[in-house]
Amino acid sequence: MPFTKEILREGTGKKPPPGKMVMIHVLGTYDGKVFWNTKEFQPMQEGSYQFIPGRDNVTLKGLDEVLNMNVGEKAKFTFSGEHSYADGFPPSVPAKAEITMEIELTEIWG
């Protein structure tokens, strides 16, 4: 299985339609250590990561799962090594390592 998903908080908003920009908060961990925290590392973007699911060149295709989330939903994903970062997330995450990400869909643009 490429990933598991545990819903931490149900969303009450809409699901993003294909082709629309979304904003998400991400807390990514590997081996118990944080390697990506949008609230800490991307303060100029209001603590969020912005992209178009299914279209932008994201290195972790699992992020496209936000198309199946409702605005306000927060979920914990565990991505298997084969479906994680093929080249790693240097210097913190080696290639094809199992990682965990808490993803919160905060907004749909457009």
PDB file of N, CA and C in Angstrom:
ATOM      1  N   MET A   1       0.847  -1.178   0.000  1.00  0.00           N
ATOM      2  CA  MET A   1       0.000   0.000   0.000  1.00  0.00           C
ATOM      3  C   MET A   1       0.893   1.242   0.000  1.00  0.00           C
ATOM      4  N   PRO A   2       0.609   2.205  -0.855  1.00  0.00           N
ATOM      5  CA  PRO A   2       1.465   3.387  -0.953  1.00  0.00           C
ATOM      6  C   PRO A   2       1.436   4.264   0.297  1.00  0.00           C
ATOM      7  N   PHE A   3       0.275   4.315   0.981  1.00  0.00           N
ATOM      8  CA  PHE A   3       0.187   5.152   2.173  1.00  0.00           C
ATOM      9  C   PHE A   3      -1.001   4.719   3.018  1.00  0.00           C
ATOM     10  N   THR A   4      -0.973   5.151   4.276  1.00  0.00           N
ATOM     11  CA  THR A   4      -2.136   5.022   5.138  1.00  0.00           C
ATOM     12  C   THR A   4      -2.570   6.432   5.514  1.00  0.00           C
ATOM     13  N   LYS A   5      -3.852   6.568   5.823  1.00  0.00           N
ATOM     14  CA  LYS A   5      -4.393   7.879   6.181  1.00  0.00           C
ATOM     15  C   LYS A   5      -5.233   7.733   7.442  1.00  0.00           C
ATOM     16  N   GLU A   6      -4.949   8.607   8.403  1.00  0.00           N
ATOM     17  CA  GLU A   6      -5.734   8.680   9.631  1.00  0.00           C
ATOM     18  C   GLU A   6      -6.280  10.106   9.727  1.00  0.00           C
ATOM     19  N   ILE A   7      -7.593  10.249   9.743  1.00  0.00           N
ATOM     20  CA  ILE A   7      -8.189  11.576   9.846  1.00  0.00           C
ATOM     21  C   ILE A   7      -8.105  12.043  11.295  1.00  0.00           C
ATOM     22  N   LEU A   8      -7.441  13.172  11.494  1.00  0.00           N
ATOM     23  CA  LEU A   8      -7.287  13.754  12.821  1.00  0.00           C
ATOM     24  C   LEU A   8      -8.417  14.737  13.138  1.00  0.00           C
ATOM     25  N   ARG A   9      -8.924  15.404  12.095  1.00  0.00           N
ATOM     26  CA  ARG A   9     -10.040  16.333  12.252  1.00  0.00           C
ATOM     27  C   ARG A   9     -10.801  16.372  10.925  1.00  0.00           C
ATOM     28  N   GLU A  10     -12.091  16.174  11.007  1.00  0.00           N
ATOM     29  CA  GLU A  10     -12.925  16.242   9.809  1.00  0.00           C
ATOM     30  C   GLU A  10     -12.984  17.675   9.304  1.00  0.00           C
ATOM     31  N   GLY A  11     -13.027  17.843   8.012  1.00  0.00           N
ATOM     32  CA  GLY A  11     -13.210  19.160   7.417  1.00  0.00           C
ATOM     33  C   GLY A  11     -14.678  19.422   7.149  1.00  0.00           C
ATOM     34  N   THR A  12     -15.041  20.684   7.120  1.00  0.00           N
ATOM     35  CA  THR A  12     -16.437  21.042   6.861  1.00  0.00           C
ATOM     36  C   THR A  12     -16.601  21.794   5.548  1.00  0.00           C
ATOM     37  N   GLY A  13     -15.480  22.099   4.907  1.00  0.00           N
ATOM     38  CA  GLY A  13     -15.526  22.831   3.644  1.00  0.00           C
ATOM     39  C   GLY A  13     -15.601  21.906   2.444  1.00  0.00           C
ATOM     40  N   LYS A  14     -15.404  22.501   1.288  1.00  0.00           N
ATOM     41  CA  LYS A  14     -15.470  21.772   0.018  1.00  0.00           C
ATOM     42  C   LYS A  14     -14.178  21.016  -0.259  1.00  0.00           C
ATOM     43  N   LYS A  15     -14.282  20.055  -1.171  1.00  0.00           N
ATOM     44  CA  LYS A  15     -13.101  19.395  -1.721  1.00  0.00           C
ATOM     45  C   LYS A  15     -12.577  20.276  -2.852  1.00  0.00           C
ATOM     46  N   PRO A  16     -11.260  20.343  -3.036  1.00  0.00           N
ATOM     47  CA  PRO A  16     -10.754  21.177  -4.124  1.00  0.00           C
ATOM     48  C   PRO A  16     -11.013  20.539  -5.492  1.00  0.00           C
ATOM     49  N   PRO A  17     -11.517  21.319  -6.429  1.00  0.00           N
ATOM     50  CA  PRO A  17     -11.671  20.788  -7.783  1.00  0.00           C
ATOM     51  C   PRO A  17     -10.311  20.721  -8.468  1.00  0.00           C
ATOM     52  N   PRO A  18     -10.135  19.814  -9.407  1.00  0.00           N
ATOM     53  CA  PRO A  18      -8.870  19.738 -10.144  1.00  0.00           C
ATOM     54  C   PRO A  18      -8.529  21.072 -10.791  1.00  0.00           C
ATOM     55  N   GLY A  19      -7.251  21.411 -10.767  1.00  0.00           N
ATOM     56  CA  GLY A  19      -6.784  22.617 -11.422  1.00  0.00           C
ATOM     57  C   GLY A  19      -6.775  23.862 -10.556  1.00  0.00           C
ATOM     58  N   LYS A  20      -7.249  23.759  -9.324  1.00  0.00           N
ATOM     59  CA  LYS A  20      -7.276  24.904  -8.421  1.00  0.00           C
ATOM     60  C   LYS A  20      -6.101  24.863  -7.451  1.00  0.00           C
ATOM     61  N   MET A  21      -5.567  26.035  -7.147  1.00  0.00           N
ATOM     62  CA  MET A  21      -4.479  26.162  -6.186  1.00  0.00           C
ATOM     63  C   MET A  21      -5.018  25.910  -4.784  1.00  0.00           C
ATOM     64  N   VAL A  22      -4.228  25.172  -3.985  1.00  0.00           N
ATOM     65  CA  VAL A  22      -4.601  24.931  -2.592  1.00  0.00           C
ATOM     66  C   VAL A  22      -3.482  25.409  -1.677  1.00  0.00           C
ATOM     67  N   MET A  23      -3.867  25.664  -0.438  1.00  0.00           N
ATOM     68  CA  MET A  23      -2.903  25.986   0.613  1.00  0.00           C
ATOM     69  C   MET A  23      -3.028  24.903   1.670  1.00  0.00           C
ATOM     70  N   ILE A  24      -1.877  24.360   2.078  1.00  0.00           N
ATOM     71  CA  ILE A  24      -1.875  23.328   3.110  1.00  0.00           C
ATOM     72  C   ILE A  24      -0.812  23.649   4.159  1.00  0.00           C
ATOM     73  N   HIS A  25      -1.069  23.187   5.368  1.00  0.00           N
ATOM     74  CA  HIS A  25      -0.041  23.178   6.404  1.00  0.00           C
ATOM     75  C   HIS A  25       0.498  21.760   6.425  1.00  0.00           C
ATOM     76  N   VAL A  26       1.822  21.626   6.560  1.00  0.00           N
ATOM     77  CA  VAL A  26       2.457  20.309   6.561  1.00  0.00           C
ATOM     78  C   VAL A  26       3.411  20.212   7.738  1.00  0.00           C
ATOM     79  N   LEU A  27       3.336  19.084   8.430  1.00  0.00           N
ATOM     80  CA  LEU A  27       4.329  18.732   9.434  1.00  0.00           C
ATOM     81  C   LEU A  27       4.849  17.359   9.037  1.00  0.00           C
ATOM     82  N   GLY A  28       6.052  17.328   8.463  1.00  0.00           N
ATOM     83  CA  GLY A  28       6.641  16.086   7.989  1.00  0.00           C
ATOM     84  C   GLY A  28       7.699  15.583   8.960  1.00  0.00           C
ATOM     85  N   THR A  29       7.627  14.283   9.279  1.00  0.00           N
ATOM     86  CA  THR A  29       8.617  13.687  10.182  1.00  0.00           C
ATOM     87  C   THR A  29       9.200  12.420   9.581  1.00  0.00           C
ATOM     88  N   TYR A  30      10.437  12.190   9.923  1.00  0.00           N
ATOM     89  CA  TYR A  30      11.147  10.960   9.561  1.00  0.00           C
ATOM     90  C   TYR A  30      11.926  10.521  10.790  1.00  0.00           C
ATOM     91  N   ASP A  31      11.759   9.286  11.168  1.00  0.00           N
ATOM     92  CA  ASP A  31      12.491   8.729  12.308  1.00  0.00           C
ATOM     93  C   ASP A  31      12.296   9.593  13.559  1.00  0.00           C
ATOM     94  N   GLY A  32      11.074  10.135  13.716  1.00  0.00           N
ATOM     95  CA  GLY A  32      10.740  10.927  14.889  1.00  0.00           C
ATOM     96  C   GLY A  32      11.231  12.366  14.881  1.00  0.00           C
ATOM     97  N   LYS A  33      11.886  12.781  13.788  1.00  0.00           N
ATOM     98  CA  LYS A  33      12.414  14.143  13.702  1.00  0.00           C
ATOM     99  C   LYS A  33      11.699  14.915  12.606  1.00  0.00           C
ATOM    100  N   VAL A  34      11.415  16.190  12.892  1.00  0.00           N
ATOM    101  CA  VAL A  34      10.731  17.052  11.924  1.00  0.00           C
ATOM    102  C   VAL A  34      11.706  17.438  10.808  1.00  0.00           C
ATOM    103  N   PHE A  35      11.288  17.223   9.560  1.00  0.00           N
ATOM    104  CA  PHE A  35      12.098  17.667   8.429  1.00  0.00           C
ATOM    105  C   PHE A  35      11.400  18.760   7.624  1.00  0.00           C
ATOM    106  N   TRP A  36      10.078  18.920   7.822  1.00  0.00           N
ATOM    107  CA  TRP A  36       9.355  19.964   7.107  1.00  0.00           C
ATOM    108  C   TRP A  36       8.191  20.429   7.968  1.00  0.00           C
ATOM    109  N   ASN A  37       8.207  21.693   8.316  1.00  0.00           N
ATOM    110  CA  ASN A  37       7.136  22.297   9.082  1.00  0.00           C
ATOM    111  C   ASN A  37       6.824  23.623   8.406  1.00  0.00           C
ATOM    112  N   THR A  38       5.745  23.662   7.653  1.00  0.00           N
ATOM    113  CA  THR A  38       5.445  24.876   6.885  1.00  0.00           C
ATOM    114  C   THR A  38       5.230  26.080   7.788  1.00  0.00           C
ATOM    115  N   LYS A  39       4.702  25.869   8.973  1.00  0.00           N
ATOM    116  CA  LYS A  39       4.460  26.994   9.886  1.00  0.00           C
ATOM    117  C   LYS A  39       5.769  27.607  10.363  1.00  0.00           C
ATOM    118  N   GLU A  40       6.821  26.815  10.396  1.00  0.00           N
ATOM    119  CA  GLU A  40       8.125  27.298  10.845  1.00  0.00           C
ATOM    120  C   GLU A  40       9.012  27.741   9.686  1.00  0.00           C
ATOM    121  N   PHE A  41       9.002  26.977   8.605  1.00  0.00           N
ATOM    122  CA  PHE A  41       9.944  27.214   7.516  1.00  0.00           C
ATOM    123  C   PHE A  41       9.417  28.089   6.397  1.00  0.00           C
ATOM    124  N   GLN A  42       8.123  28.377   6.361  1.00  0.00           N
ATOM    125  CA  GLN A  42       7.563  29.178   5.279  1.00  0.00           C
ATOM    126  C   GLN A  42       6.700  30.316   5.821  1.00  0.00           C
ATOM    127  N   PRO A  43       7.248  31.132   6.737  1.00  0.00           N
ATOM    128  CA  PRO A  43       6.434  32.186   7.333  1.00  0.00           C
ATOM    129  C   PRO A  43       5.993  33.254   6.335  1.00  0.00           C
ATOM    130  N   MET A  44       6.734  33.458   5.262  1.00  0.00           N
ATOM    131  CA  MET A  44       6.350  34.467   4.277  1.00  0.00           C
ATOM    132  C   MET A  44       5.129  34.025   3.471  1.00  0.00           C
ATOM    133  N   GLN A  45       4.811  32.733   3.514  1.00  0.00           N
ATOM    134  CA  GLN A  45       3.630  32.213   2.817  1.00  0.00           C
ATOM    135  C   GLN A  45       2.533  31.882   3.824  1.00  0.00           C
ATOM    136  N   GLU A  46       2.484  32.647   4.910  1.00  0.00           N
ATOM    137  CA  GLU A  46       1.495  32.450   5.969  1.00  0.00           C
ATOM    138  C   GLU A  46       1.555  31.033   6.529  1.00  0.00           C
ATOM    139  N   GLY A  47       2.757  30.469   6.559  1.00  0.00           N
ATOM    140  CA  GLY A  47       2.935  29.144   7.137  1.00  0.00           C
ATOM    141  C   GLY A  47       2.325  28.026   6.341  1.00  0.00           C
ATOM    142  N   SER A  48       2.144  28.231   5.048  1.00  0.00           N
ATOM    143  CA  SER A  48       1.517  27.192   4.237  1.00  0.00           C
ATOM    144  C   SER A  48       2.326  26.912   2.979  1.00  0.00           C
ATOM    145  N   TYR A  49       2.035  25.769   2.396  1.00  0.00           N
ATOM    146  CA  TYR A  49       2.616  25.370   1.121  1.00  0.00           C
ATOM    147  C   TYR A  49       1.504  25.502   0.095  1.00  0.00           C
ATOM    148  N   GLN A  50       1.781  26.136  -1.021  1.00  0.00           N
ATOM    149  CA  GLN A  50       0.779  26.384  -2.044  1.00  0.00           C
ATOM    150  C   GLN A  50       1.154  25.640  -3.323  1.00  0.00           C
ATOM    151  N   PHE A  51       0.186  24.947  -3.901  1.00  0.00           N
ATOM    152  CA  PHE A  51       0.443  24.227  -5.154  1.00  0.00           C
ATOM    153  C   PHE A  51      -0.884  23.835  -5.802  1.00  0.00           C
ATOM    154  N   ILE A  52      -0.792  23.363  -7.038  1.00  0.00           N
ATOM    155  CA  ILE A  52      -1.960  22.863  -7.754  1.00  0.00           C
ATOM    156  C   ILE A  52      -1.848  21.339  -7.796  1.00  0.00           C
ATOM    157  N   PRO A  53      -2.674  20.631  -7.023  1.00  0.00           N
ATOM    158  CA  PRO A  53      -2.590  19.168  -7.003  1.00  0.00           C
ATOM    159  C   PRO A  53      -2.783  18.571  -8.390  1.00  0.00           C
ATOM    160  N   GLY A  54      -1.968  17.586  -8.694  1.00  0.00           N
ATOM    161  CA  GLY A  54      -2.059  16.909  -9.976  1.00  0.00           C
ATOM    162  C   GLY A  54      -1.396  17.640 -11.125  1.00  0.00           C
ATOM    163  N   ARG A  55      -0.987  18.895 -10.906  1.00  0.00           N
ATOM    164  CA  ARG A  55      -0.372  19.658 -11.989  1.00  0.00           C
ATOM    165  C   ARG A  55       1.019  20.161 -11.648  1.00  0.00           C
ATOM    166  N   ASP A  56       1.207  20.681 -10.456  1.00  0.00           N
ATOM    167  CA  ASP A  56       2.530  21.201 -10.101  1.00  0.00           C
ATOM    168  C   ASP A  56       3.518  20.056  -9.960  1.00  0.00           C
ATOM    169  N   ASN A  57       4.751  20.363 -10.165  1.00  0.00           N
ATOM    170  CA  ASN A  57       5.804  19.359 -10.095  1.00  0.00           C
ATOM    171  C   ASN A  57       6.220  19.153  -8.642  1.00  0.00           C
ATOM    172  N   VAL A  58       5.378  18.442  -7.896  1.00  0.00           N
ATOM    173  CA  VAL A  58       5.713  18.152  -6.511  1.00  0.00           C
ATOM    174  C   VAL A  58       6.516  16.862  -6.460  1.00  0.00           C
ATOM    175  N   THR A  59       7.493  16.815  -5.564  1.00  0.00           N
ATOM    176  CA  THR A  59       8.358  15.641  -5.508  1.00  0.00           C
ATOM    177  C   THR A  59       7.720  14.483  -4.761  1.00  0.00           C
ATOM    178  N   LEU A  60       6.642  14.739  -4.048  1.00  0.00           N
ATOM    179  CA  LEU A  60       5.932  13.681  -3.339  1.00  0.00           C
ATOM    180  C   LEU A  60       4.503  13.657  -3.860  1.00  0.00           C
ATOM    181  N   LYS A  61       4.206  12.734  -4.738  1.00  0.00           N
ATOM    182  CA  LYS A  61       2.896  12.685  -5.376  1.00  0.00           C
ATOM    183  C   LYS A  61       1.771  12.463  -4.370  1.00  0.00           C
ATOM    184  N   GLY A  62       2.099  11.959  -3.188  1.00  0.00           N
ATOM    185  CA  GLY A  62       1.090  11.775  -2.159  1.00  0.00           C
ATOM    186  C   GLY A  62       0.401  13.065  -1.765  1.00  0.00           C
ATOM    187  N   LEU A  63       1.054  14.197  -2.015  1.00  0.00           N
ATOM    188  CA  LEU A  63       0.424  15.480  -1.704  1.00  0.00           C
ATOM    189  C   LEU A  63      -0.830  15.695  -2.539  1.00  0.00           C
ATOM    190  N   ASP A  64      -0.923  15.007  -3.673  1.00  0.00           N
ATOM    191  CA  ASP A  64      -2.121  15.124  -4.503  1.00  0.00           C
ATOM    192  C   ASP A  64      -3.360  14.575  -3.795  1.00  0.00           C
ATOM    193  N   GLU A  65      -3.180  13.854  -2.690  1.00  0.00           N
ATOM    194  CA  GLU A  65      -4.306  13.336  -1.915  1.00  0.00           C
ATOM    195  C   GLU A  65      -5.179  14.446  -1.339  1.00  0.00           C
ATOM    196  N   VAL A  66      -4.698  15.685  -1.341  1.00  0.00           N
ATOM    197  CA  VAL A  66      -5.543  16.780  -0.848  1.00  0.00           C
ATOM    198  C   VAL A  66      -6.802  16.920  -1.698  1.00  0.00           C
ATOM    199  N   LEU A  67      -6.797  16.385  -2.916  1.00  0.00           N
ATOM    200  CA  LEU A  67      -8.003  16.410  -3.752  1.00  0.00           C
ATOM    201  C   LEU A  67      -9.133  15.602  -3.113  1.00  0.00           C
ATOM    202  N   ASN A  68      -8.784  14.711  -2.195  1.00  0.00           N
ATOM    203  CA  ASN A  68      -9.773  13.877  -1.510  1.00  0.00           C
ATOM    204  C   ASN A  68     -10.075  14.377  -0.098  1.00  0.00           C
ATOM    205  N   MET A  69      -9.603  15.580   0.220  1.00  0.00           N
ATOM    206  CA  MET A  69      -9.827  16.165   1.543  1.00  0.00           C
ATOM    207  C   MET A  69     -10.796  17.344   1.431  1.00  0.00           C
ATOM    208  N   ASN A  70     -11.456  17.645   2.533  1.00  0.00           N
ATOM    209  CA  ASN A  70     -12.308  18.835   2.606  1.00  0.00           C
ATOM    210  C   ASN A  70     -11.526  19.939   3.301  1.00  0.00           C
ATOM    211  N   VAL A  71     -11.813  21.191   2.948  1.00  0.00           N
ATOM    212  CA  VAL A  71     -11.172  22.315   3.619  1.00  0.00           C
ATOM    213  C   VAL A  71     -11.432  22.191   5.121  1.00  0.00           C
ATOM    214  N   GLY A  72     -10.374  22.362   5.895  1.00  0.00           N
ATOM    215  CA  GLY A  72     -10.447  22.226   7.345  1.00  0.00           C
ATOM    216  C   GLY A  72     -10.035  20.856   7.838  1.00  0.00           C
ATOM    217  N   GLU A  73      -9.977  19.872   6.938  1.00  0.00           N
ATOM    218  CA  GLU A  73      -9.578  18.525   7.341  1.00  0.00           C
ATOM    219  C   GLU A  73      -8.091  18.483   7.647  1.00  0.00           C
ATOM    220  N   LYS A  74      -7.753  17.718   8.666  1.00  0.00           N
ATOM    221  CA  LYS A  74      -6.361  17.467   9.021  1.00  0.00           C
ATOM    222  C   LYS A  74      -6.195  15.960   9.109  1.00  0.00           C
ATOM    223  N   ALA A  75      -5.202  15.449   8.394  1.00  0.00           N
ATOM    224  CA  ALA A  75      -4.995  14.007   8.352  1.00  0.00           C
ATOM    225  C   ALA A  75      -3.512  13.677   8.487  1.00  0.00           C
ATOM    226  N   LYS A  76      -3.274  12.506   9.027  1.00  0.00           N
ATOM    227  CA  LYS A  76      -1.904  12.002   9.178  1.00  0.00           C
ATOM    228  C   LYS A  76      -1.696  10.902   8.143  1.00  0.00           C
ATOM    229  N   PHE A  77      -0.729  11.124   7.272  1.00  0.00           N
ATOM    230  CA  PHE A  77      -0.387  10.164   6.228  1.00  0.00           C
ATOM    231  C   PHE A  77       0.954   9.519   6.557  1.00  0.00           C
ATOM    232  N   THR A  78       1.039   8.219   6.363  1.00  0.00           N
ATOM    233  CA  THR A  78       2.316   7.522   6.445  1.00  0.00           C
ATOM    234  C   THR A  78       2.587   6.956   5.062  1.00  0.00           C
ATOM    235  N   PHE A  79       3.668   7.441   4.442  1.00  0.00           N
ATOM    236  CA  PHE A  79       4.027   7.015   3.094  1.00  0.00           C
ATOM    237  C   PHE A  79       5.109   5.952   3.163  1.00  0.00           C
ATOM    238  N   SER A  80       4.869   4.832   2.496  1.00  0.00           N
ATOM    239  CA  SER A  80       5.863   3.757   2.468  1.00  0.00           C
ATOM    240  C   SER A  80       7.099   4.218   1.709  1.00  0.00           C
ATOM    241  N   GLY A  81       8.195   3.544   1.935  1.00  0.00           N
ATOM    242  CA  GLY A  81       9.452   3.906   1.289  1.00  0.00           C
ATOM    243  C   GLY A  81       9.375   3.968  -0.225  1.00  0.00           C
ATOM    244  N   GLU A  82       8.638   3.072  -0.821  1.00  0.00           N
ATOM    245  CA  GLU A  82       8.528   3.043  -2.275  1.00  0.00           C
ATOM    246  C   GLU A  82       7.682   4.203  -2.810  1.00  0.00           C
ATOM    247  N   HIS A  83       6.906   4.832  -1.951  1.00  0.00           N
ATOM    248  CA  HIS A  83       6.033   5.929  -2.381  1.00  0.00           C
ATOM    249  C   HIS A  83       6.376   7.236  -1.687  1.00  0.00           C
ATOM    250  N   SER A  84       7.563   7.273  -1.149  1.00  0.00           N
ATOM    251  CA  SER A  84       8.071   8.469  -0.481  1.00  0.00           C
ATOM    252  C   SER A  84       8.922   9.249  -1.481  1.00  0.00           C
ATOM    253  N   TYR A  85       9.853  10.031  -0.975  1.00  0.00           N
ATOM    254  CA  TYR A  85      10.747  10.799  -1.851  1.00  0.00           C
ATOM    255  C   TYR A  85      11.763   9.855  -2.497  1.00  0.00           C
ATOM    256  N   ALA A  86      11.724   9.712  -3.796  1.00  0.00           N
ATOM    257  CA  ALA A  86      12.643   8.822  -4.506  1.00  0.00           C
ATOM    258  C   ALA A  86      14.095   9.215  -4.280  1.00  0.00           C
ATOM    259  N   ASP A  87      14.352  10.528  -4.263  1.00  0.00           N
ATOM    260  CA  ASP A  87      15.717  11.023  -4.072  1.00  0.00           C
ATOM    261  C   ASP A  87      15.971  11.521  -2.655  1.00  0.00           C
ATOM    262  N   GLY A  88      15.027  11.295  -1.764  1.00  0.00           N
ATOM    263  CA  GLY A  88      15.167  11.774  -0.402  1.00  0.00           C
ATOM    264  C   GLY A  88      14.792  13.239  -0.283  1.00  0.00           C
ATOM    265  N   PHE A  89      14.979  13.768   0.889  1.00  0.00           N
ATOM    266  CA  PHE A  89      14.728  15.179   1.199  1.00  0.00           C
ATOM    267  C   PHE A  89      15.956  15.650   1.977  1.00  0.00           C
ATOM    268  N   PRO A  90      17.075  15.809   1.235  1.00  0.00           N
ATOM    269  CA  PRO A  90      18.364  16.099   1.892  1.00  0.00           C
ATOM    270  C   PRO A  90      18.310  17.370   2.731  1.00  0.00           C
ATOM    271  N   PRO A  91      19.003  17.404   3.818  1.00  0.00           N
ATOM    272  CA  PRO A  91      19.855  16.348   4.359  1.00  0.00           C
ATOM    273  C   PRO A  91      19.135  15.455   5.363  1.00  0.00           C
ATOM    274  N   SER A  92      17.844  15.664   5.583  1.00  0.00           N
ATOM    275  CA  SER A  92      17.139  14.997   6.686  1.00  0.00           C
ATOM    276  C   SER A  92      16.584  13.611   6.386  1.00  0.00           C
ATOM    277  N   VAL A  93      16.173  13.368   5.143  1.00  0.00           N
ATOM    278  CA  VAL A  93      15.476  12.130   4.813  1.00  0.00           C
ATOM    279  C   VAL A  93      16.201  11.413   3.675  1.00  0.00           C
ATOM    280  N   PRO A  94      16.615  10.171   3.907  1.00  0.00           N
ATOM    281  CA  PRO A  94      17.256   9.424   2.819  1.00  0.00           C
ATOM    282  C   PRO A  94      16.229   8.993   1.760  1.00  0.00           C
ATOM    283  N   ALA A  95      16.715   8.602   0.619  1.00  0.00           N
ATOM    284  CA  ALA A  95      15.845   8.159  -0.474  1.00  0.00           C
ATOM    285  C   ALA A  95      14.985   6.985  -0.036  1.00  0.00           C
ATOM    286  N   LYS A  96      13.739   7.015  -0.462  1.00  0.00           N
ATOM    287  CA  LYS A  96      12.772   5.942  -0.242  1.00  0.00           C
ATOM    288  C   LYS A  96      12.571   5.570   1.228  1.00  0.00           C
ATOM    289  N   ALA A  97      12.682   6.544   2.098  1.00  0.00           N
ATOM    290  CA  ALA A  97      12.452   6.312   3.524  1.00  0.00           C
ATOM    291  C   ALA A  97      10.962   6.443   3.837  1.00  0.00           C
ATOM    292  N   GLU A  98      10.475   5.669   4.801  1.00  0.00           N
ATOM    293  CA  GLU A  98       9.096   5.825   5.240  1.00  0.00           C
ATOM    294  C   GLU A  98       8.985   7.134   6.020  1.00  0.00           C
ATOM    295  N   ILE A  99       8.009   7.942   5.656  1.00  0.00           N
ATOM    296  CA  ILE A  99       7.821   9.240   6.307  1.00  0.00           C
ATOM    297  C   ILE A  99       6.366   9.397   6.754  1.00  0.00           C
ATOM    298  N   THR A 100       6.163  10.317   7.675  1.00  0.00           N
ATOM    299  CA  THR A 100       4.830  10.655   8.151  1.00  0.00           C
ATOM    300  C   THR A 100       4.607  12.139   7.928  1.00  0.00           C
ATOM    301  N   MET A 101       3.414  12.483   7.458  1.00  0.00           N
ATOM    302  CA  MET A 101       3.062  13.888   7.256  1.00  0.00           C
ATOM    303  C   MET A 101       1.673  14.149   7.791  1.00  0.00           C
ATOM    304  N   GLU A 102       1.578  15.186   8.618  1.00  0.00           N
ATOM    305  CA  GLU A 102       0.270  15.695   9.001  1.00  0.00           C
ATOM    306  C   GLU A 102      -0.030  16.824   8.032  1.00  0.00           C
ATOM    307  N   ILE A 103      -1.127  16.690   7.328  1.00  0.00           N
ATOM    308  CA  ILE A 103      -1.500  17.672   6.299  1.00  0.00           C
ATOM    309  C   ILE A 103      -2.866  18.245   6.644  1.00  0.00           C
ATOM    310  N   GLU A 104      -2.951  19.570   6.625  1.00  0.00           N
ATOM    311  CA  GLU A 104      -4.210  20.262   6.867  1.00  0.00           C
ATOM    312  C   GLU A 104      -4.517  21.115   5.634  1.00  0.00           C
ATOM    313  N   LEU A 105      -5.659  20.859   5.035  1.00  0.00           N
ATOM    314  CA  LEU A 105      -6.100  21.663   3.883  1.00  0.00           C
ATOM    315  C   LEU A 105      -6.778  22.916   4.418  1.00  0.00           C
ATOM    316  N   THR A 106      -6.149  24.075   4.171  1.00  0.00           N
ATOM    317  CA  THR A 106      -6.644  25.309   4.770  1.00  0.00           C
ATOM    318  C   THR A 106      -7.448  26.190   3.817  1.00  0.00           C
ATOM    319  N   GLU A 107      -7.157  26.085   2.523  1.00  0.00           N
ATOM    320  CA  GLU A 107      -7.818  27.021   1.613  1.00  0.00           C
ATOM    321  C   GLU A 107      -7.730  26.541   0.167  1.00  0.00           C
ATOM    322  N   ILE A 108      -8.724  26.912  -0.614  1.00  0.00           N
ATOM    323  CA  ILE A 108      -8.731  26.688  -2.066  1.00  0.00           C
ATOM    324  C   ILE A 108      -8.766  28.073  -2.707  1.00  0.00           C
ATOM    325  N   TRP A 109      -7.905  28.296  -3.675  1.00  0.00           N
ATOM    326  CA  TRP A 109      -7.883  29.584  -4.383  1.00  0.00           C
ATOM    327  C   TRP A 109      -8.515  29.429  -5.751  1.00  0.00           C
ATOM    328  N   GLY A 110      -9.221  30.480  -6.153  1.00  0.00           N
ATOM    329  CA  GLY A 110      -9.761  30.511  -7.509  1.00  0.00           C
ATOM    330  C   GLY A 110     -11.047  29.862  -7.600  1.00  0.00           C
TER     331      GLY A 110
END
